[in-house]
Amino acid sequence: MWLLVVVLLVALMIPVAAILLESPLGRSIARRLEGGDGAAAGTGPGVRQLERRVEVLETDLEELNRSLAGMREELQFVQRLLEDPGKKKPRS
């Protein structure tokens, strides 16, 4: 009985393993194993270049957020002027 269970378990694991190895996750793991220790640790030249690009993008994103905040303030000011233009005019 146990022999039948083991044989069935092995027979069912073969297609499952094949599906996992052919998936993007399996390919990613294979690339890491082929790349050696440097690629697995994240110290390859491609990784360093990507880190620099991410830093540049983060800096650009911060600048855009500051610019957007300034534009929001300007828009609110213009909206207040348009809502009640008589408020800003001097009374005679």
N, C-alpha and C. Protein backbone atom coordinates (compact mmCIF):
# COMPACT_ATOMS: atom_id res chain seq x y z
N MET A 1 0.82 -1.20 0.00
CA MET A 1 0.00 0.00 0.00
C MET A 1 0.86 1.26 0.00
N TRP A 2 1.87 1.28 0.89
CA TRP A 2 2.73 2.46 0.97
C TRP A 2 3.53 2.63 -0.32
N LEU A 3 3.90 1.53 -0.93
CA LEU A 3 4.65 1.59 -2.18
C LEU A 3 3.81 2.26 -3.27
N LEU A 4 2.53 1.95 -3.32
CA LEU A 4 1.62 2.57 -4.29
C LEU A 4 1.51 4.07 -4.05
N VAL A 5 1.42 4.48 -2.80
CA VAL A 5 1.32 5.90 -2.45
C VAL A 5 2.60 6.64 -2.86
N VAL A 6 3.74 6.06 -2.60
CA VAL A 6 5.01 6.68 -2.97
C VAL A 6 5.13 6.80 -4.48
N VAL A 7 4.76 5.75 -5.20
CA VAL A 7 4.84 5.77 -6.67
C VAL A 7 3.90 6.84 -7.22
N LEU A 8 2.70 6.93 -6.70
CA LEU A 8 1.76 7.96 -7.16
C LEU A 8 2.25 9.37 -6.82
N LEU A 9 2.82 9.53 -5.64
CA LEU A 9 3.34 10.84 -5.24
C LEU A 9 4.47 11.27 -6.17
N VAL A 10 5.39 10.38 -6.46
CA VAL A 10 6.49 10.69 -7.38
C VAL A 10 5.95 10.98 -8.77
N ALA A 11 5.00 10.19 -9.22
CA ALA A 11 4.42 10.39 -10.56
C ALA A 11 3.71 11.74 -10.66
N LEU A 12 3.08 12.19 -9.60
CA LEU A 12 2.40 13.49 -9.62
C LEU A 12 3.37 14.66 -9.44
N MET A 13 4.49 14.42 -8.79
CA MET A 13 5.45 15.49 -8.57
C MET A 13 6.23 15.84 -9.83
N ILE A 14 6.37 14.91 -10.75
CA ILE A 14 7.11 15.18 -11.99
C ILE A 14 6.47 16.30 -12.80
N PRO A 15 5.15 16.26 -13.10
CA PRO A 15 4.57 17.37 -13.85
C PRO A 15 4.55 18.68 -13.06
N VAL A 16 4.36 18.59 -11.75
CA VAL A 16 4.37 19.81 -10.93
C VAL A 16 5.75 20.46 -10.99
N ALA A 17 6.80 19.67 -10.87
CA ALA A 17 8.16 20.21 -10.94
C ALA A 17 8.43 20.80 -12.32
N ALA A 18 7.96 20.15 -13.37
CA ALA A 18 8.17 20.67 -14.72
C ALA A 18 7.46 22.02 -14.90
N ILE A 19 6.26 22.13 -14.39
CA ILE A 19 5.52 23.39 -14.50
C ILE A 19 6.23 24.50 -13.74
N LEU A 20 6.70 24.21 -12.53
CA LEU A 20 7.40 25.21 -11.74
C LEU A 20 8.72 25.64 -12.38
N LEU A 21 9.45 24.69 -12.96
CA LEU A 21 10.73 25.03 -13.57
C LEU A 21 10.56 25.84 -14.84
N GLU A 22 9.47 25.69 -15.54
CA GLU A 22 9.23 26.44 -16.76
C GLU A 22 8.57 27.79 -16.51
N SER A 23 8.20 28.06 -15.28
CA SER A 23 7.55 29.33 -14.96
C SER A 23 8.59 30.44 -14.86
N PRO A 24 8.17 31.70 -14.89
CA PRO A 24 9.12 32.81 -14.73
C PRO A 24 9.89 32.72 -13.40
N LEU A 25 9.25 32.25 -12.36
CA LEU A 25 9.93 32.10 -11.08
C LEU A 25 11.05 31.06 -11.18
N GLY A 26 10.78 29.94 -11.83
CA GLY A 26 11.81 28.92 -12.02
C GLY A 26 12.97 29.43 -12.85
N ARG A 27 12.68 30.20 -13.88
CA ARG A 27 13.74 30.75 -14.72
C ARG A 27 14.59 31.75 -13.94
N SER A 28 13.94 32.55 -13.09
CA SER A 28 14.67 33.50 -12.27
C SER A 28 15.61 32.80 -11.31
N ILE A 29 15.15 31.74 -10.69
CA ILE A 29 16.00 30.98 -9.77
C ILE A 29 17.15 30.35 -10.53
N ALA A 30 16.91 29.85 -11.72
CA ALA A 30 17.97 29.24 -12.53
C ALA A 30 19.02 30.28 -12.91
N ARG A 31 18.59 31.49 -13.29
CA ARG A 31 19.54 32.54 -13.64
C ARG A 31 20.41 32.90 -12.45
N ARG A 32 19.81 32.97 -11.26
CA ARG A 32 20.60 33.28 -10.06
C ARG A 32 21.61 32.18 -9.77
N LEU A 33 21.20 30.93 -9.95
CA LEU A 33 22.13 29.83 -9.70
C LEU A 33 23.26 29.81 -10.71
N GLU A 34 22.97 30.14 -11.95
CA GLU A 34 24.01 30.17 -12.98
C GLU A 34 24.94 31.35 -12.81
N GLY A 35 24.43 32.46 -12.30
CA GLY A 35 25.23 33.67 -12.15
C GLY A 35 26.30 33.56 -11.09
N GLY A 36 26.20 32.67 -10.15
CA GLY A 36 27.20 32.51 -9.11
C GLY A 36 26.88 33.36 -7.90
N ASP A 37 27.86 33.47 -7.01
CA ASP A 37 27.65 34.18 -5.74
C ASP A 37 27.47 35.68 -5.92
N GLY A 38 28.22 36.29 -6.84
CA GLY A 38 28.13 37.74 -7.01
C GLY A 38 26.75 38.19 -7.43
N ALA A 39 26.14 37.48 -8.36
CA ALA A 39 24.81 37.85 -8.82
C ALA A 39 23.77 37.57 -7.74
N ALA A 40 23.98 36.51 -6.98
CA ALA A 40 23.02 36.17 -5.94
C ALA A 40 23.05 37.18 -4.81
N ALA A 41 24.24 37.73 -4.53
CA ALA A 41 24.36 38.69 -3.44
C ALA A 41 23.93 40.09 -3.88
N GLY A 42 23.73 40.31 -5.17
CA GLY A 42 23.29 41.62 -5.64
C GLY A 42 24.43 42.60 -5.78
N THR A 43 25.63 42.14 -6.12
CA THR A 43 26.77 43.04 -6.24
C THR A 43 27.29 43.12 -7.66
N GLY A 44 26.55 42.62 -8.62
CA GLY A 44 26.99 42.64 -10.01
C GLY A 44 26.97 44.05 -10.57
N PRO A 45 27.67 44.28 -11.70
CA PRO A 45 27.70 45.63 -12.28
C PRO A 45 26.32 46.09 -12.75
N GLY A 46 25.49 45.16 -13.20
CA GLY A 46 24.15 45.54 -13.62
C GLY A 46 23.30 46.02 -12.45
N VAL A 47 23.50 45.40 -11.31
CA VAL A 47 22.74 45.80 -10.12
C VAL A 47 23.17 47.19 -9.66
N ARG A 48 24.47 47.44 -9.68
CA ARG A 48 24.96 48.77 -9.27
C ARG A 48 24.42 49.85 -10.20
N GLN A 49 24.38 49.55 -11.49
CA GLN A 49 23.84 50.52 -12.45
C GLN A 49 22.36 50.77 -12.18
N LEU A 50 21.62 49.72 -11.89
CA LEU A 50 20.20 49.88 -11.58
C LEU A 50 20.01 50.69 -10.30
N GLU A 51 20.87 50.47 -9.29
CA GLU A 51 20.77 51.24 -8.05
C GLU A 51 20.97 52.72 -8.32
N ARG A 52 21.95 53.05 -9.17
CA ARG A 52 22.17 54.46 -9.52
C ARG A 52 20.97 55.05 -10.24
N ARG A 53 20.40 54.28 -11.15
CA ARG A 53 19.23 54.77 -11.89
C ARG A 53 18.06 54.99 -10.95
N VAL A 54 17.88 54.10 -9.97
CA VAL A 54 16.79 54.27 -9.01
C VAL A 54 17.01 55.52 -8.18
N GLU A 55 18.26 55.78 -7.77
CA GLU A 55 18.55 56.99 -7.00
C GLU A 55 18.23 58.24 -7.81
N VAL A 56 18.60 58.24 -9.09
CA VAL A 56 18.30 59.39 -9.95
C VAL A 56 16.79 59.57 -10.08
N LEU A 57 16.08 58.47 -10.27
CA LEU A 57 14.62 58.55 -10.41
C LEU A 57 13.97 59.05 -9.12
N GLU A 58 14.49 58.61 -7.96
CA GLU A 58 13.94 59.08 -6.70
C GLU A 58 14.16 60.57 -6.52
N THR A 59 15.34 61.06 -6.92
CA THR A 59 15.63 62.49 -6.85
C THR A 59 14.69 63.27 -7.76
N ASP A 60 14.51 62.78 -8.97
CA ASP A 60 13.59 63.44 -9.90
C ASP A 60 12.17 63.45 -9.36
N LEU A 61 11.77 62.35 -8.72
CA LEU A 61 10.42 62.26 -8.17
C LEU A 61 10.23 63.27 -7.04
N GLU A 62 11.25 63.45 -6.20
CA GLU A 62 11.16 64.45 -5.14
C GLU A 62 11.02 65.85 -5.71
N GLU A 63 11.79 66.16 -6.75
CA GLU A 63 11.69 67.47 -7.39
C GLU A 63 10.31 67.69 -8.00
N LEU A 64 9.77 66.65 -8.64
CA LEU A 64 8.43 66.77 -9.22
C LEU A 64 7.37 66.97 -8.14
N ASN A 65 7.52 66.30 -7.00
CA ASN A 65 6.56 66.47 -5.90
C ASN A 65 6.60 67.90 -5.37
N ARG A 66 7.81 68.46 -5.24
CA ARG A 66 7.91 69.86 -4.78
C ARG A 66 7.27 70.80 -5.78
N SER A 67 7.54 70.56 -7.06
CA SER A 67 6.97 71.40 -8.11
C SER A 67 5.45 71.29 -8.12
N LEU A 68 4.94 70.10 -7.95
CA LEU A 68 3.50 69.88 -7.92
C LEU A 68 2.86 70.58 -6.73
N ALA A 69 3.52 70.54 -5.58
CA ALA A 69 2.98 71.23 -4.40
C ALA A 69 2.92 72.73 -4.65
N GLY A 70 3.95 73.29 -5.29
CA GLY A 70 3.93 74.73 -5.62
C GLY A 70 2.81 75.07 -6.59
N MET A 71 2.59 74.22 -7.56
CA MET A 71 1.52 74.47 -8.52
C MET A 71 0.15 74.39 -7.86
N ARG A 72 0.00 73.49 -6.90
CA ARG A 72 -1.28 73.39 -6.18
C ARG A 72 -1.56 74.68 -5.41
N GLU A 73 -0.52 75.20 -4.76
CA GLU A 73 -0.69 76.46 -4.02
C GLU A 73 -1.07 77.59 -4.96
N GLU A 74 -0.40 77.67 -6.10
CA GLU A 74 -0.73 78.72 -7.08
C GLU A 74 -2.16 78.57 -7.58
N LEU A 75 -2.58 77.35 -7.84
CA LEU A 75 -3.93 77.10 -8.32
C LEU A 75 -4.97 77.51 -7.27
N GLN A 76 -4.70 77.18 -6.02
CA GLN A 76 -5.62 77.57 -4.95
C GLN A 76 -5.71 79.10 -4.84
N PHE A 77 -4.58 79.79 -5.00
CA PHE A 77 -4.58 81.24 -4.94
C PHE A 77 -5.42 81.82 -6.08
N VAL A 78 -5.22 81.31 -7.28
CA VAL A 78 -5.98 81.80 -8.44
C VAL A 78 -7.46 81.49 -8.27
N GLN A 79 -7.80 80.32 -7.73
CA GLN A 79 -9.20 79.98 -7.51
C GLN A 79 -9.84 80.92 -6.50
N ARG A 80 -9.10 81.29 -5.45
CA ARG A 80 -9.64 82.23 -4.47
C ARG A 80 -9.86 83.60 -5.11
N LEU A 81 -8.97 84.02 -5.98
CA LEU A 81 -9.14 85.30 -6.66
C LEU A 81 -10.36 85.27 -7.59
N LEU A 82 -10.57 84.15 -8.26
CA LEU A 82 -11.69 84.05 -9.19
C LEU A 82 -13.02 83.92 -8.46
N GLU A 83 -13.02 83.33 -7.28
CA GLU A 83 -14.27 83.15 -6.54
C GLU A 83 -14.83 84.49 -6.06
N ASP A 84 -13.97 85.37 -5.57
CA ASP A 84 -14.44 86.65 -5.04
C ASP A 84 -13.47 87.76 -5.41
N PRO A 85 -13.54 88.23 -6.67
CA PRO A 85 -12.58 89.26 -7.08
C PRO A 85 -12.80 90.59 -6.36
N GLY A 86 -13.99 90.87 -5.87
CA GLY A 86 -14.26 92.13 -5.18
C GLY A 86 -13.56 92.22 -3.84
N LYS A 87 -13.20 91.12 -3.30
CA LYS A 87 -12.54 91.09 -2.00
C LYS A 87 -11.15 91.71 -2.07
N LYS A 88 -10.45 91.55 -3.16
CA LYS A 88 -9.08 92.02 -3.30
C LYS A 88 -8.98 93.44 -3.79
N LYS A 89 -10.07 94.00 -4.34
CA LYS A 89 -10.03 95.35 -4.87
C LYS A 89 -10.14 96.36 -3.72
N PRO A 90 -9.39 97.46 -3.79
CA PRO A 90 -9.52 98.49 -2.73
C PRO A 90 -10.86 99.21 -2.86
N ARG A 91 -11.44 99.50 -1.70
CA ARG A 91 -12.75 100.18 -1.71
C ARG A 91 -12.54 101.69 -1.77
N SER A 92 -13.36 102.37 -2.56
CA SER A 92 -13.23 103.82 -2.72
C SER A 92 -14.33 104.54 -1.99
